[in-house]
């Protein structure tokens, strides 16, 4: 009986040892599985973090750049300045209306961006030169220029509105040239150092398609489009990109410049029938073009509402 009890006890001990061994093995397996799961989760988290860093800011390559945007008190200029600043660029906003500039700059800064308001009139040589000096004193040399300032004053040519013609020429053409003259050295210098350098001129679909009573405005924008093409020949070999953006129907303050009630009504009708683009959508195109690798030049971009033929 005692031998049997001893045998039974030995069997029970063996079973207990086996159970303990199995329990320990299962515990090890569970621990290994948990560690593997944690490692996988951590790896996935790291991958997600890398993905967010790479794609969370679509225009992260703009970080550290120094931009100038003209006509930045409203519309496309204001939207472009805000997006460039949100992408990490230092942005100087140029326009005539100081109160509107300050409001735009305050909003950019409140959102964590870096911006500078510079009151300037692109139709005045001394004003543009002084603005350039102010920007360099604050930010150093510029490597991204958005030439956006413009006016649209349509009327029949036989009305003979020389005042309007001269204002459009001074702003839309000569104003663009003044800004280019002020910052060409900066752009060429940035490119020579191996950095991206961009000149973006905002033209219009009116450069290609004639609209009744918009002849002089269309002619000024055709000049900008041609100028951009010519400058590409001069600047391209020195690695300065020139991008010409030609928006179609877009919600901006240009429509408020009209003093012809009939033409204003026609323009309202086009917006009702077609639907316009937002200024932010054009700004997105500007940021996309200037954030490409420096050897990639999106030279001419026509941006229209889908329903605008």
Protein backbone atom coordinates (compact mmCIF):
# COMPACT_ATOMS: atom_id res chain seq x y z
CA UNK A 1 0.00 0.00 0.00
CA UNK A 2 2.79 2.40 0.88
CA UNK A 3 4.55 1.67 -2.42
CA UNK A 4 1.33 2.30 -4.32
CA UNK A 5 0.81 5.57 -2.45
CA UNK A 6 4.36 6.57 -3.22
CA UNK A 7 3.79 5.74 -6.89
CA UNK A 8 0.58 7.68 -6.90
CA UNK A 9 2.33 10.57 -5.24
CA UNK A 10 5.11 10.43 -7.82
CA UNK A 11 2.54 10.39 -10.60
CA UNK A 12 0.75 13.35 -9.05
CA UNK A 13 4.05 15.24 -8.72
CA UNK A 14 4.89 14.54 -12.36
CA UNK A 15 1.47 15.73 -13.44
CA UNK A 16 1.86 18.86 -11.33
CA UNK A 17 5.31 19.49 -12.81
CA UNK A 18 3.92 19.00 -16.31
CA UNK A 19 1.04 21.35 -15.58
CA UNK A 20 3.42 23.91 -14.14
CA UNK A 21 5.73 23.53 -17.13
CA UNK A 22 2.84 23.90 -19.51
CA UNK A 23 1.62 26.92 -17.56
CA UNK A 24 5.06 28.48 -17.65
CA UNK A 25 5.36 27.70 -21.36
CA UNK A 26 1.96 29.20 -22.02
CA UNK A 27 2.93 32.23 -19.92
CA UNK A 28 6.12 32.58 -21.94
CA UNK A 29 4.18 32.17 -25.16
CA UNK A 30 1.65 34.77 -24.03
CA UNK A 31 4.43 37.12 -22.98
CA UNK A 32 6.18 36.62 -26.31
CA UNK A 33 2.94 37.18 -28.18
CA UNK A 34 2.21 40.30 -26.15
CA UNK A 35 5.73 41.60 -26.77
CA UNK A 36 5.40 40.81 -30.46
CA UNK A 37 2.03 42.55 -30.57
CA UNK A 38 3.48 45.56 -28.75
CA UNK A 39 6.45 45.64 -31.10
CA UNK A 40 4.09 45.44 -34.08
CA UNK A 41 1.89 48.18 -32.64
CA UNK A 42 4.94 50.34 -31.97
CA UNK A 43 6.23 49.70 -35.46
CA UNK A 44 2.86 50.54 -36.95
CA UNK A 45 2.75 53.68 -34.80
CA UNK A 46 6.20 54.69 -36.03
CA UNK A 47 5.16 54.05 -39.61
CA UNK A 48 2.01 56.10 -39.11
CA UNK A 49 4.07 58.88 -37.54
CA UNK A 50 6.46 58.84 -40.48
CA UNK A 51 3.50 58.89 -42.85
CA UNK A 52 1.99 61.87 -41.04
CA UNK A 53 5.32 63.69 -41.06
CA UNK A 54 5.68 63.06 -44.77
CA UNK A 55 2.13 63.77 -45.85
CA UNK A 56 0.41 65.61 -43.00
CA UNK A 57 1.72 68.92 -44.36
CA UNK A 58 1.41 68.57 -48.10
CA UNK A 59 3.80 71.46 -48.69
CA UNK A 60 6.35 70.83 -45.95
CA UNK A 61 9.19 71.54 -48.39
CA UNK A 62 8.22 75.22 -48.20
CA UNK A 63 9.38 75.38 -44.59
CA UNK A 64 12.25 77.82 -44.12
CA UNK A 65 11.65 79.70 -47.34
CA UNK A 66 11.15 83.45 -47.55
CA UNK A 67 8.23 84.62 -49.67
CA UNK A 68 6.82 87.90 -50.90
CA UNK A 69 3.18 88.10 -51.98
CA UNK A 70 1.79 91.23 -53.61
CA UNK A 71 -1.88 92.13 -53.57
CA UNK A 72 -1.98 90.30 -50.25
CA UNK A 73 -4.72 92.33 -48.53
CA UNK A 74 -7.47 90.15 -49.96
CA UNK A 75 -8.39 87.40 -52.40
CA UNK A 76 -5.77 85.17 -53.97
CA UNK A 77 -2.86 87.10 -52.45
CA UNK A 78 -4.17 86.86 -48.91
CA UNK A 79 -4.99 83.17 -49.33
CA UNK A 80 -1.58 82.40 -50.85
CA UNK A 81 0.23 84.20 -48.04
CA UNK A 82 -1.75 82.30 -45.41
CA UNK A 83 -1.07 78.90 -47.01
CA UNK A 84 2.64 79.57 -47.54
CA UNK A 85 2.96 80.65 -43.90
CA UNK A 86 1.00 77.61 -42.71
CA UNK A 87 3.47 75.47 -44.66
CA UNK A 88 6.42 76.98 -42.78
CA UNK A 89 7.53 79.87 -45.00
CA UNK A 90 8.23 83.37 -43.72
CA UNK A 91 5.90 85.62 -45.69
CA UNK A 92 5.96 89.34 -46.40
CA UNK A 93 2.51 90.58 -47.40
CA UNK A 94 2.49 93.63 -49.70
CA UNK A 95 -0.51 95.82 -50.51
CA UNK A 96 -1.72 99.39 -50.22
CA UNK A 97 -4.32 98.85 -47.49
CA UNK A 98 -2.40 98.71 -44.24
CA UNK A 99 -5.38 97.86 -42.05
CA UNK A 100 -6.27 94.83 -44.14
CA UNK A 101 -2.64 93.73 -44.21
CA UNK A 102 -2.34 93.94 -40.44
CA UNK A 103 -5.50 91.88 -40.00
CA UNK A 104 -4.19 89.20 -42.37
CA UNK A 105 -0.82 89.12 -40.61
CA UNK A 106 -2.43 88.87 -37.17
CA UNK A 107 -4.43 85.86 -38.32
CA UNK A 108 -1.33 84.15 -39.72
CA UNK A 109 0.57 84.74 -36.48
CA UNK A 110 -2.36 83.50 -34.40
CA UNK A 111 -2.21 80.27 -36.40
CA UNK A 112 1.51 79.92 -35.63
CA UNK A 113 2.92 81.36 -38.84
CA UNK A 114 5.54 84.05 -39.42
CA UNK A 115 4.41 87.08 -41.41
CA UNK A 116 5.24 90.72 -42.03
CA UNK A 117 2.92 93.48 -43.25
CA UNK A 118 4.54 95.88 -45.72
CA UNK A 119 2.46 98.72 -47.12
CA UNK A 120 3.48 99.30 -50.72
CA UNK A 121 2.11 100.47 -54.04
CA UNK A 122 3.36 98.45 -57.02
CA UNK A 123 2.66 101.41 -59.32
CA UNK A 124 5.37 103.44 -57.55
CA UNK A 125 9.09 102.72 -58.03
CA UNK A 126 10.23 104.17 -54.72
CA UNK A 127 7.49 102.36 -52.81
CA UNK A 128 8.49 98.96 -54.21
CA UNK A 129 12.20 99.59 -53.58
CA UNK A 130 11.49 100.65 -49.99
CA UNK A 131 9.35 97.55 -49.45
CA UNK A 132 12.15 95.31 -50.70
CA UNK A 133 14.60 96.96 -48.30
CA UNK A 134 12.17 96.51 -45.38
CA UNK A 135 11.73 92.82 -46.18
CA UNK A 136 15.45 92.14 -46.45
CA UNK A 137 16.07 93.93 -43.16
CA UNK A 138 13.52 91.70 -41.45
CA UNK A 139 13.92 88.36 -43.22
CA UNK A 140 17.03 88.51 -45.40
CA UNK A 141 16.94 87.63 -49.07
CA UNK A 142 13.79 86.32 -50.73
CA UNK A 143 13.50 83.03 -52.63
CA UNK A 144 9.80 83.01 -53.57
CA UNK A 145 7.85 85.84 -55.18
CA UNK A 146 4.13 85.76 -55.95
CA UNK A 147 3.24 88.62 -58.31
CA UNK A 148 -0.48 88.83 -57.68
CA UNK A 149 -1.44 92.51 -57.47
CA UNK A 150 -3.85 93.46 -60.23
CA UNK A 151 -6.96 95.41 -61.19
CA UNK A 152 -9.79 94.62 -63.62
CA UNK A 153 -11.63 97.64 -65.08
CA UNK A 154 -13.73 96.49 -68.04
CA UNK A 155 -15.56 98.93 -70.27
CA UNK A 156 -16.16 99.26 -74.02
CA UNK A 157 -13.08 100.57 -75.76
CA UNK A 158 -15.11 103.28 -77.48
CA UNK A 159 -15.76 104.78 -74.04
CA UNK A 160 -12.13 105.92 -74.24
CA UNK A 161 -11.38 105.40 -70.53
CA UNK A 162 -7.69 106.23 -70.69
CA UNK A 163 -7.61 106.57 -66.89
CA UNK A 164 -8.66 102.94 -66.52
CA UNK A 165 -6.30 101.73 -69.24
CA UNK A 166 -3.36 103.49 -67.60
CA UNK A 167 -4.24 102.13 -64.17
CA UNK A 168 -4.42 98.55 -65.48
CA UNK A 169 -1.15 98.92 -67.35
CA UNK A 170 0.62 100.46 -64.34
CA UNK A 171 -0.61 97.76 -61.97
CA UNK A 172 -0.93 94.60 -64.07
CA UNK A 173 2.15 95.03 -66.26
CA UNK A 174 4.58 97.66 -65.01
CA UNK A 175 3.78 96.76 -61.41
CA UNK A 176 4.71 93.15 -62.11
CA UNK A 177 7.97 94.34 -63.67
CA UNK A 178 8.79 96.58 -60.70
CA UNK A 179 8.46 93.65 -58.31
CA UNK A 180 10.55 91.42 -60.58
CA UNK A 181 13.26 94.09 -60.75
CA UNK A 182 13.27 94.42 -56.95
CA UNK A 183 13.79 90.71 -56.27
CA UNK A 184 15.59 89.25 -59.30
CA UNK A 185 18.96 89.40 -57.52
CA UNK A 186 17.53 87.52 -54.54
CA UNK A 187 16.06 84.76 -56.69
CA UNK A 188 19.18 84.30 -58.79
CA UNK A 189 21.32 84.27 -55.65
CA UNK A 190 19.15 81.63 -53.95
CA UNK A 191 19.31 79.40 -57.01
CA UNK A 192 23.10 79.82 -57.23
CA UNK A 193 23.32 78.52 -53.66
CA UNK A 194 21.41 75.40 -54.66
CA UNK A 195 18.13 76.44 -53.08
CA UNK A 196 14.68 76.56 -54.72
CA UNK A 197 13.88 79.92 -56.28
CA UNK A 198 10.42 80.75 -57.61
CA UNK A 199 8.76 83.58 -59.45
CA UNK A 200 4.99 83.08 -59.72
CA UNK A 201 3.03 85.50 -61.90
CA UNK A 202 -0.74 85.47 -61.58
CA UNK A 203 -2.23 86.08 -65.02
CA UNK A 204 -5.74 85.14 -66.20
CA UNK A 205 -7.71 82.97 -68.62
CA UNK A 206 -8.41 86.34 -70.28
CA UNK A 207 -4.87 86.16 -71.66
CA UNK A 208 -6.14 83.51 -74.09
CA UNK A 209 -9.89 84.01 -74.42
CA UNK A 210 -11.34 87.36 -75.44
CA UNK A 211 -14.34 88.63 -73.48
CA UNK A 212 -16.42 91.55 -74.80
CA UNK A 213 -15.50 94.84 -73.09
CA UNK A 214 -12.53 93.26 -71.27
CA UNK A 215 -10.09 93.92 -74.11
CA UNK A 216 -7.56 96.08 -72.26
CA UNK A 217 -7.64 93.91 -69.15
CA UNK A 218 -7.11 90.81 -71.30
CA UNK A 219 -4.24 92.54 -73.09
CA UNK A 220 -2.48 93.28 -69.79
CA UNK A 221 -2.83 89.65 -68.72
CA UNK A 222 -1.61 88.42 -72.10
CA UNK A 223 1.46 90.58 -71.50
CA UNK A 224 2.03 88.84 -68.15
CA UNK A 225 1.70 85.41 -69.75
CA UNK A 226 4.15 86.32 -72.50
CA UNK A 227 6.52 87.93 -70.01
CA UNK A 228 6.54 84.73 -67.95
CA UNK A 229 7.45 82.73 -71.05
CA UNK A 230 10.27 85.11 -71.93
CA UNK A 231 11.63 85.20 -68.38
CA UNK A 232 11.77 81.42 -68.34
CA UNK A 233 14.33 81.62 -71.13
CA UNK A 234 16.42 84.08 -69.11
CA UNK A 235 16.01 82.59 -65.63
CA UNK A 236 15.63 78.88 -66.35
CA UNK A 237 19.29 78.28 -67.21
CA UNK A 238 20.12 79.81 -63.81
CA UNK A 239 17.70 77.46 -62.02
CA UNK A 240 15.06 80.07 -61.21
CA UNK A 241 11.59 78.69 -61.88
CA UNK A 242 8.94 80.90 -63.47
CA UNK A 243 5.35 79.76 -63.09
CA UNK A 244 2.43 81.48 -64.76
CA UNK A 245 -0.95 80.82 -63.10
CA UNK A 246 -4.05 81.65 -65.13
CA UNK A 247 -7.25 81.47 -63.08
CA UNK A 248 -10.70 81.37 -64.59
CA UNK A 249 -13.78 82.64 -62.79
CA UNK A 250 -12.67 83.17 -59.18
CA UNK A 251 -14.28 84.78 -56.14
CA UNK A 252 -12.10 87.82 -55.41
CA UNK A 253 -12.50 91.57 -54.98
CA UNK A 254 -11.78 92.18 -58.67
CA UNK A 255 -15.51 92.23 -59.34
CA UNK A 256 -15.92 95.17 -56.96
CA UNK A 257 -13.72 97.32 -59.20
CA UNK A 258 -16.38 97.45 -61.92
CA UNK A 259 -18.20 100.76 -62.36
CA UNK A 260 -20.41 99.52 -65.20
CA UNK A 261 -23.68 98.13 -63.82
CA UNK A 262 -24.46 96.16 -66.97
CA UNK A 263 -21.08 94.39 -66.95
CA UNK A 264 -21.32 93.82 -63.20
CA UNK A 265 -24.69 92.13 -63.73
CA UNK A 266 -23.25 89.94 -66.49
CA UNK A 267 -20.40 88.86 -64.21
CA UNK A 268 -22.84 88.01 -61.43
CA UNK A 269 -24.80 85.93 -63.91
CA UNK A 270 -21.65 83.97 -64.84
CA UNK A 271 -21.00 83.16 -61.19
CA UNK A 272 -24.61 82.03 -60.77
CA UNK A 273 -24.48 79.82 -63.87
CA UNK A 274 -20.97 78.42 -63.60
CA UNK A 275 -19.85 78.80 -60.01
CA UNK A 276 -16.47 80.32 -59.30
CA UNK A 277 -13.30 79.00 -57.74
CA UNK A 278 -12.29 80.18 -54.30
CA UNK A 279 -9.14 82.20 -53.68
CA UNK A 280 -7.93 79.36 -51.46
CA UNK A 281 -8.12 76.95 -54.39
CA UNK A 282 -5.83 79.15 -56.47
CA UNK A 283 -3.51 79.53 -53.48
CA UNK A 284 -3.33 75.74 -53.30
CA UNK A 285 -2.07 75.67 -56.88
CA UNK A 286 0.62 78.24 -56.04
CA UNK A 287 1.79 76.24 -53.03
CA UNK A 288 1.79 73.00 -55.00
CA UNK A 289 3.87 74.45 -57.84
CA UNK A 290 6.46 76.05 -55.56
CA UNK A 291 6.84 72.98 -53.34
CA UNK A 292 8.00 70.66 -56.14
CA UNK A 293 11.66 69.55 -56.33
CA UNK A 294 13.74 72.47 -57.57
CA UNK A 295 14.39 70.86 -60.97
CA UNK A 296 10.63 70.60 -61.67
CA UNK A 297 8.98 73.71 -63.14
CA UNK A 298 5.22 73.77 -63.62
CA UNK A 299 5.56 76.53 -66.13
CA UNK A 300 1.96 77.40 -66.98
CA UNK A 301 -1.16 76.40 -65.07
CA UNK A 302 -4.65 77.25 -66.28
CA UNK A 303 -7.20 76.74 -63.49
CA UNK A 304 -10.89 76.88 -64.33
CA UNK A 305 -14.17 75.89 -62.74
CA UNK A 306 -15.20 72.59 -64.32
CA UNK A 307 -18.22 74.22 -65.98
CA UNK A 308 -16.22 77.05 -67.52
CA UNK A 309 -15.48 75.98 -71.09
